[in-house]
Amino acid sequence: MFTSVESQIYSMFIISITILAVLNPFGNLTQFIAMTAELAKSIRQKLFRNILYTAFIIVMVFLFSGPFIMRYVFNVSLDDLRIAGGLILIIMATKNLLFTAKKQDFLHYQGLDEKDLLRASVVPMAFPMLVGPDTLSTAIIASEDQGLLVACGAIVLAFAFMFLLFHFAATIERIIGKLILHVFSRIAQVFIMAIGIKMIIVGIKDIFHL
């Protein structure tokens, strides 16, 4: 049997994996590499750090303010958010599985200087490409289910992994190759869809007391 602390650590680890799946690190890494293909390694790493810092701040701000907005502004319950978040996960996963971003979609980023590129990294790179409604709803649900401390720890763990992945992006791309990263990304989408279905089922069961 787990103790209370061990149970929290276990929950934190499981939630961090769920958040990582939603963040789709391998899929986003290949897209970010394509968007910054002509940049020097130092500028690319600076850009990736800027994306991660911005995305992390967005998630943490929403984590603390989301429950208040959910209850007192929009007057929706956690189960309502579960169903909506599940639908978003299914739609996003289906879109990523069926439609692949084309190289020409990223060409306009390669003509920007460093300052403009860093400014452009906030939208769309940090939001909504890396962090979107699916990530935000997953974080809120984790906080409501397991507590704010566990959710915060899970988010920190997930972004720590993302930081390492993006820091060594060039090395990973050279060793693993874009094709394998693409395959990993597609496999992750199936699990994201399954997470979305599970969230919808739990939400419906709770609403109708099944």
C-alpha atoms as a PDB file:
ATOM      1  CA  MET A   1       0.000   0.000   0.000  1.00  0.00           C
ATOM      2  CA  PHE A   2       1.197   3.512  -0.792  1.00  0.00           C
ATOM      3  CA  THR A   3       1.609   6.088   1.938  1.00  0.00           C
ATOM      4  CA  SER A   4       0.076   9.512   1.446  1.00  0.00           C
ATOM      5  CA  VAL A   5       3.353  11.020   0.230  1.00  0.00           C
ATOM      6  CA  GLU A   6       4.121   8.075  -2.051  1.00  0.00           C
ATOM      7  CA  SER A   7       0.606   8.272  -3.481  1.00  0.00           C
ATOM      8  CA  GLN A   8       1.071  11.972  -4.260  1.00  0.00           C
ATOM      9  CA  ILE A   9       4.437  11.342  -5.924  1.00  0.00           C
ATOM     10  CA  TYR A  10       2.916   8.534  -7.990  1.00  0.00           C
ATOM     11  CA  SER A  11      -0.020  10.751  -9.012  1.00  0.00           C
ATOM     12  CA  MET A  12       2.389  13.562  -9.867  1.00  0.00           C
ATOM     13  CA  PHE A  13       4.381  11.241 -12.111  1.00  0.00           C
ATOM     14  CA  ILE A  14       1.294   9.877 -13.894  1.00  0.00           C
ATOM     15  CA  ILE A  15      -0.149  13.364 -14.427  1.00  0.00           C
ATOM     16  CA  SER A  16       3.189  14.631 -15.768  1.00  0.00           C
ATOM     17  CA  ILE A  17       3.126  11.838 -18.374  1.00  0.00           C
ATOM     18  CA  THR A  18      -0.430  12.810 -19.335  1.00  0.00           C
ATOM     19  CA  ILE A  19       0.562  16.467 -19.688  1.00  0.00           C
ATOM     20  CA  LEU A  20       3.599  15.470 -21.742  1.00  0.00           C
ATOM     21  CA  ALA A  21       1.401  13.428 -24.061  1.00  0.00           C
ATOM     22  CA  VAL A  22      -0.852  16.441 -24.570  1.00  0.00           C
ATOM     23  CA  LEU A  23       2.136  18.764 -25.095  1.00  0.00           C
ATOM     24  CA  ASN A  24       3.202  16.368 -27.891  1.00  0.00           C
ATOM     25  CA  PRO A  25       6.940  17.056 -27.457  1.00  0.00           C
ATOM     26  CA  PHE A  26       8.199  15.031 -30.422  1.00  0.00           C
ATOM     27  CA  GLY A  27       5.605  16.394 -32.818  1.00  0.00           C
ATOM     28  CA  ASN A  28       6.188  19.988 -31.756  1.00  0.00           C
ATOM     29  CA  LEU A  29       9.956  19.494 -31.833  1.00  0.00           C
ATOM     30  CA  THR A  30       9.878  18.491 -35.505  1.00  0.00           C
ATOM     31  CA  GLN A  31       7.650  21.481 -36.330  1.00  0.00           C
ATOM     32  CA  PHE A  32       9.838  23.942 -34.412  1.00  0.00           C
ATOM     33  CA  ILE A  33      12.951  22.557 -36.101  1.00  0.00           C
ATOM     34  CA  ALA A  34      11.300  23.060 -39.497  1.00  0.00           C
ATOM     35  CA  MET A  35      10.310  26.633 -38.558  1.00  0.00           C
ATOM     36  CA  THR A  36      13.866  27.512 -37.471  1.00  0.00           C
ATOM     37  CA  ALA A  37      15.876  25.454 -39.935  1.00  0.00           C
ATOM     38  CA  GLU A  38      17.971  28.405 -41.149  1.00  0.00           C
ATOM     39  CA  LEU A  39      18.840  29.781 -37.713  1.00  0.00           C
ATOM     40  CA  ALA A  40      22.131  29.402 -35.904  1.00  0.00           C
ATOM     41  CA  LYS A  41      22.181  26.840 -33.101  1.00  0.00           C
ATOM     42  CA  SER A  42      22.562  29.486 -30.373  1.00  0.00           C
ATOM     43  CA  ILE A  43      19.598  31.528 -31.646  1.00  0.00           C
ATOM     44  CA  ARG A  44      17.480  28.391 -32.031  1.00  0.00           C
ATOM     45  CA  GLN A  45      18.173  27.346 -28.431  1.00  0.00           C
ATOM     46  CA  LYS A  46      17.377  30.864 -27.212  1.00  0.00           C
ATOM     47  CA  LEU A  47      14.121  30.743 -29.157  1.00  0.00           C
ATOM     48  CA  PHE A  48      13.201  27.335 -27.759  1.00  0.00           C
ATOM     49  CA  ARG A  49      13.883  28.535 -24.196  1.00  0.00           C
ATOM     50  CA  ASN A  50      11.664  31.557 -24.804  1.00  0.00           C
ATOM     51  CA  ILE A  51       8.878  29.283 -26.070  1.00  0.00           C
ATOM     52  CA  LEU A  52       9.116  26.990 -23.047  1.00  0.00           C
ATOM     53  CA  TYR A  53       9.267  29.823 -20.485  1.00  0.00           C
ATOM     54  CA  THR A  54       6.251  31.515 -22.054  1.00  0.00           C
ATOM     55  CA  ALA A  55       4.273  28.260 -22.275  1.00  0.00           C
ATOM     56  CA  PHE A  56       5.118  27.380 -18.666  1.00  0.00           C
ATOM     57  CA  ILE A  57       3.937  30.785 -17.412  1.00  0.00           C
ATOM     58  CA  ILE A  58       0.688  30.467 -19.397  1.00  0.00           C
ATOM     59  CA  VAL A  59      -0.058  27.060 -17.856  1.00  0.00           C
ATOM     60  CA  MET A  60       0.769  28.151 -14.295  1.00  0.00           C
ATOM     61  CA  VAL A  61      -1.271  31.359 -14.526  1.00  0.00           C
ATOM     62  CA  PHE A  62      -4.246  29.438 -15.881  1.00  0.00           C
ATOM     63  CA  LEU A  63      -3.787  26.737 -13.241  1.00  0.00           C
ATOM     64  CA  PHE A  64      -4.224  29.282 -10.441  1.00  0.00           C
ATOM     65  CA  SER A  65      -6.868  31.450 -12.112  1.00  0.00           C
ATOM     66  CA  GLY A  66      -8.757  28.761 -14.068  1.00  0.00           C
ATOM     67  CA  PRO A  67     -10.855  27.335 -11.210  1.00  0.00           C
ATOM     68  CA  PHE A  68     -12.070  30.819 -10.234  1.00  0.00           C
ATOM     69  CA  ILE A  69     -12.934  31.652 -13.845  1.00  0.00           C
ATOM     70  CA  MET A  70     -14.600  28.259 -14.272  1.00  0.00           C
ATOM     71  CA  ARG A  71     -16.811  28.552 -11.184  1.00  0.00           C
ATOM     72  CA  TYR A  72     -17.585  32.259 -10.891  1.00  0.00           C
ATOM     73  CA  VAL A  73     -17.309  33.634 -14.424  1.00  0.00           C
ATOM     74  CA  PHE A  74     -18.617  30.832 -16.648  1.00  0.00           C
ATOM     75  CA  ASN A  75     -20.416  28.831 -13.928  1.00  0.00           C
ATOM     76  CA  VAL A  76     -19.325  25.431 -15.225  1.00  0.00           C
ATOM     77  CA  SER A  77     -18.516  22.334 -13.170  1.00  0.00           C
ATOM     78  CA  LEU A  78     -15.463  20.109 -13.280  1.00  0.00           C
ATOM     79  CA  ASP A  79     -17.439  17.445 -15.141  1.00  0.00           C
ATOM     80  CA  ASP A  80     -18.473  20.003 -17.759  1.00  0.00           C
ATOM     81  CA  LEU A  81     -14.791  20.841 -18.194  1.00  0.00           C
ATOM     82  CA  ARG A  82     -13.900  17.142 -18.393  1.00  0.00           C
ATOM     83  CA  ILE A  83     -16.325  16.603 -21.280  1.00  0.00           C
ATOM     84  CA  ALA A  84     -15.247  19.779 -23.091  1.00  0.00           C
ATOM     85  CA  GLY A  85     -11.570  19.024 -22.533  1.00  0.00           C
ATOM     86  CA  GLY A  86     -12.061  15.447 -23.710  1.00  0.00           C
ATOM     87  CA  LEU A  87     -13.717  16.641 -26.915  1.00  0.00           C
ATOM     88  CA  ILE A  88     -10.846  19.063 -27.525  1.00  0.00           C
ATOM     89  CA  LEU A  89      -8.279  16.291 -27.020  1.00  0.00           C
ATOM     90  CA  ILE A  90     -10.091  14.010 -29.466  1.00  0.00           C
ATOM     91  CA  ILE A  91     -10.412  16.763 -32.091  1.00  0.00           C
ATOM     92  CA  MET A  92      -6.781  17.874 -31.725  1.00  0.00           C
ATOM     93  CA  ALA A  93      -5.489  14.291 -31.860  1.00  0.00           C
ATOM     94  CA  THR A  94      -7.611  13.525 -34.927  1.00  0.00           C
ATOM     95  CA  LYS A  95      -6.385  16.685 -36.646  1.00  0.00           C
ATOM     96  CA  ASN A  96      -2.736  15.865 -35.905  1.00  0.00           C
ATOM     97  CA  LEU A  97      -3.180  12.276 -37.089  1.00  0.00           C
ATOM     98  CA  LEU A  98      -4.924  13.098 -40.369  1.00  0.00           C
ATOM     99  CA  PHE A  99      -3.287  16.383 -41.337  1.00  0.00           C
ATOM    100  CA  THR A 100       0.464  17.006 -41.451  1.00  0.00           C
ATOM    101  CA  ALA A 101       1.937  20.497 -41.429  1.00  0.00           C
ATOM    102  CA  LYS A 102       3.665  21.327 -44.704  1.00  0.00           C
ATOM    103  CA  LYS A 103       7.118  22.824 -44.985  1.00  0.00           C
ATOM    104  CA  GLN A 104       5.839  25.934 -46.774  1.00  0.00           C
ATOM    105  CA  ASP A 105       3.698  26.719 -43.725  1.00  0.00           C
ATOM    106  CA  PHE A 106       6.897  27.612 -41.853  1.00  0.00           C
ATOM    107  CA  LEU A 107       8.826  29.516 -44.533  1.00  0.00           C
ATOM    108  CA  HIS A 108       7.685  32.970 -43.388  1.00  0.00           C
ATOM    109  CA  TYR A 109       9.408  32.465 -40.025  1.00  0.00           C
ATOM    110  CA  GLN A 110      12.820  31.956 -41.635  1.00  0.00           C
ATOM    111  CA  GLY A 111      12.998  35.533 -42.940  1.00  0.00           C
ATOM    112  CA  LEU A 112      12.618  37.142 -39.505  1.00  0.00           C
ATOM    113  CA  ASP A 113      15.505  38.565 -37.509  1.00  0.00           C
ATOM    114  CA  GLU A 114      16.214  37.372 -33.965  1.00  0.00           C
ATOM    115  CA  LYS A 115      14.114  40.036 -32.211  1.00  0.00           C
ATOM    116  CA  ASP A 116      11.051  39.527 -34.411  1.00  0.00           C
ATOM    117  CA  LEU A 117      11.399  35.754 -34.186  1.00  0.00           C
ATOM    118  CA  LEU A 118      11.463  35.849 -30.392  1.00  0.00           C
ATOM    119  CA  ARG A 119       8.351  38.021 -30.460  1.00  0.00           C
ATOM    120  CA  ALA A 120       6.670  35.630 -32.900  1.00  0.00           C
ATOM    121  CA  SER A 121       7.505  32.687 -30.661  1.00  0.00           C
ATOM    122  CA  VAL A 122       4.734  33.629 -28.234  1.00  0.00           C
ATOM    123  CA  VAL A 123       1.991  33.192 -30.841  1.00  0.00           C
ATOM    124  CA  PRO A 124       1.715  30.640 -32.357  1.00  0.00           C
ATOM    125  CA  MET A 125       4.740  28.675 -31.096  1.00  0.00           C
ATOM    126  CA  ALA A 126       4.147  28.894 -27.339  1.00  0.00           C
ATOM    127  CA  PHE A 127       0.368  29.267 -27.676  1.00  0.00           C
ATOM    128  CA  PRO A 128      -1.501  27.476 -29.161  1.00  0.00           C
ATOM    129  CA  MET A 129       1.062  25.109 -30.787  1.00  0.00           C
ATOM    130  CA  LEU A 130       2.796  23.940 -27.605  1.00  0.00           C
ATOM    131  CA  VAL A 131       0.186  24.923 -25.032  1.00  0.00           C
ATOM    132  CA  GLY A 132      -3.418  24.953 -26.163  1.00  0.00           C
ATOM    133  CA  PRO A 133      -6.875  24.523 -24.659  1.00  0.00           C
ATOM    134  CA  ASP A 134      -6.228  20.779 -24.294  1.00  0.00           C
ATOM    135  CA  THR A 135      -3.179  21.370 -22.070  1.00  0.00           C
ATOM    136  CA  LEU A 136      -4.942  24.009 -19.973  1.00  0.00           C
ATOM    137  CA  SER A 137      -8.047  21.882 -19.394  1.00  0.00           C
ATOM    138  CA  THR A 138      -5.878  18.857 -18.502  1.00  0.00           C
ATOM    139  CA  ALA A 139      -3.968  20.928 -15.928  1.00  0.00           C
ATOM    140  CA  ILE A 140      -7.179  22.228 -14.329  1.00  0.00           C
ATOM    141  CA  ILE A 141      -8.720  18.756 -14.129  1.00  0.00           C
ATOM    142  CA  ALA A 142      -5.524  17.387 -12.556  1.00  0.00           C
ATOM    143  CA  SER A 143      -5.595  20.177  -9.971  1.00  0.00           C
ATOM    144  CA  GLU A 144      -9.231  19.550  -9.094  1.00  0.00           C
ATOM    145  CA  ASP A 145      -8.756  15.776  -8.893  1.00  0.00           C
ATOM    146  CA  GLN A 146      -5.377  15.491  -7.145  1.00  0.00           C
ATOM    147  CA  GLY A 147      -4.772  18.915  -5.608  1.00  0.00           C
ATOM    148  CA  LEU A 148      -2.886  22.045  -6.619  1.00  0.00           C
ATOM    149  CA  LEU A 149       0.472  20.890  -5.243  1.00  0.00           C
ATOM    150  CA  VAL A 150       0.428  17.639  -7.211  1.00  0.00           C
ATOM    151  CA  ALA A 151      -0.647  19.446 -10.393  1.00  0.00           C
ATOM    152  CA  CYS A 152       2.125  22.046 -10.005  1.00  0.00           C
ATOM    153  CA  GLY A 153       4.720  19.318  -9.484  1.00  0.00           C
ATOM    154  CA  ALA A 154       3.477  17.429 -12.527  1.00  0.00           C
ATOM    155  CA  ILE A 155       3.668  20.545 -14.695  1.00  0.00           C
ATOM    156  CA  VAL A 156       7.220  21.285 -13.497  1.00  0.00           C
ATOM    157  CA  LEU A 157       8.283  17.687 -14.278  1.00  0.00           C
ATOM    158  CA  ALA A 158       6.696  17.821 -17.735  1.00  0.00           C
ATOM    159  CA  PHE A 159       8.350  21.110 -18.644  1.00  0.00           C
ATOM    160  CA  ALA A 160      11.712  19.973 -17.226  1.00  0.00           C
ATOM    161  CA  PHE A 161      11.595  17.079 -19.704  1.00  0.00           C
ATOM    162  CA  MET A 162      10.562  19.486 -22.476  1.00  0.00           C
ATOM    163  CA  PHE A 163      13.483  21.779 -21.611  1.00  0.00           C
ATOM    164  CA  LEU A 164      15.988  18.919 -21.905  1.00  0.00           C
ATOM    165  CA  LEU A 165      14.404  17.720 -25.132  1.00  0.00           C
ATOM    166  CA  PHE A 166      14.448  21.148 -26.755  1.00  0.00           C
ATOM    167  CA  HIS A 167      17.934  21.981 -25.437  1.00  0.00           C
ATOM    168  CA  PHE A 168      19.371  18.945 -27.210  1.00  0.00           C
ATOM    169  CA  ALA A 169      17.058  19.275 -30.221  1.00  0.00           C
ATOM    170  CA  ALA A 170      19.846  19.315 -32.815  1.00  0.00           C
ATOM    171  CA  THR A 171      21.552  16.270 -31.296  1.00  0.00           C
ATOM    172  CA  ILE A 172      18.287  14.338 -31.005  1.00  0.00           C
ATOM    173  CA  GLU A 173      17.366  15.157 -34.596  1.00  0.00           C
ATOM    174  CA  ARG A 174      20.784  13.991 -35.793  1.00  0.00           C
ATOM    175  CA  ILE A 175      20.783  10.729 -33.796  1.00  0.00           C
ATOM    176  CA  ILE A 176      17.136   9.685 -34.040  1.00  0.00           C
ATOM    177  CA  GLY A 177      16.089  11.354 -37.262  1.00  0.00           C
ATOM    178  CA  LYS A 178      12.938  13.228 -38.252  1.00  0.00           C
ATOM    179  CA  LEU A 179      11.105  10.088 -39.371  1.00  0.00           C
ATOM    180  CA  ILE A 180      11.297   8.394 -35.956  1.00  0.00           C
ATOM    181  CA  LEU A 181      10.294  11.640 -34.224  1.00  0.00           C
ATOM    182  CA  HIS A 182       7.321  11.818 -36.581  1.00  0.00           C
ATOM    183  CA  VAL A 183       6.343   8.218 -35.735  1.00  0.00           C
ATOM    184  CA  PHE A 184       6.611   8.918 -31.981  1.00  0.00           C
ATOM    185  CA  SER A 185       4.395  11.944 -32.465  1.00  0.00           C
ATOM    186  CA  ARG A 186       1.719   9.925 -34.255  1.00  0.00           C
ATOM    187  CA  ILE A 187       1.765   7.191 -31.600  1.00  0.00           C
ATOM    188  CA  ALA A 188       1.303   9.848 -28.901  1.00  0.00           C
ATOM    189  CA  GLN A 189      -1.814  11.139 -30.690  1.00  0.00           C
ATOM    190  CA  VAL A 190      -3.536   7.768 -30.217  1.00  0.00           C
ATOM    191  CA  PHE A 191      -2.947   7.936 -26.459  1.00  0.00           C
ATOM    192  CA  ILE A 192      -4.129  11.553 -26.383  1.00  0.00           C
ATOM    193  CA  MET A 193      -7.368  10.478 -28.061  1.00  0.00           C
ATOM    194  CA  ALA A 194      -7.771   7.689 -25.483  1.00  0.00           C
ATOM    195  CA  ILE A 195      -7.254  10.207 -22.653  1.00  0.00           C
ATOM    196  CA  GLY A 196      -9.948  12.412 -24.200  1.00  0.00           C
ATOM    197  CA  ILE A 197     -12.414   9.524 -24.413  1.00  0.00           C
ATOM    198  CA  LYS A 198     -11.729   8.585 -20.788  1.00  0.00           C
ATOM    199  CA  MET A 199     -12.314  12.186 -19.642  1.00  0.00           C
ATOM    200  CA  ILE A 200     -15.672  12.280 -21.447  1.00  0.00           C
ATOM    201  CA  ILE A 201     -16.761   8.942 -19.957  1.00  0.00           C
ATOM    202  CA  VAL A 202     -15.840  10.030 -16.408  1.00  0.00           C
ATOM    203  CA  GLY A 203     -17.633  13.355 -16.881  1.00  0.00           C
ATOM    204  CA  ILE A 204     -20.826  11.721 -18.164  1.00  0.00           C
ATOM    205  CA  LYS A 205     -20.801   9.129 -15.361  1.00  0.00           C
ATOM    206  CA  ASP A 206     -20.462  11.831 -12.708  1.00  0.00           C
ATOM    207  CA  ILE A 207     -23.159  14.061 -14.205  1.00  0.00           C
ATOM    208  CA  PHE A 208     -25.700  11.246 -14.468  1.00  0.00           C
ATOM    209  CA  HIS A 209     -24.466   9.425 -11.313  1.00  0.00           C
ATOM    210  CA  LEU A 210     -23.872   6.210 -13.221  1.00  0.00           C
END
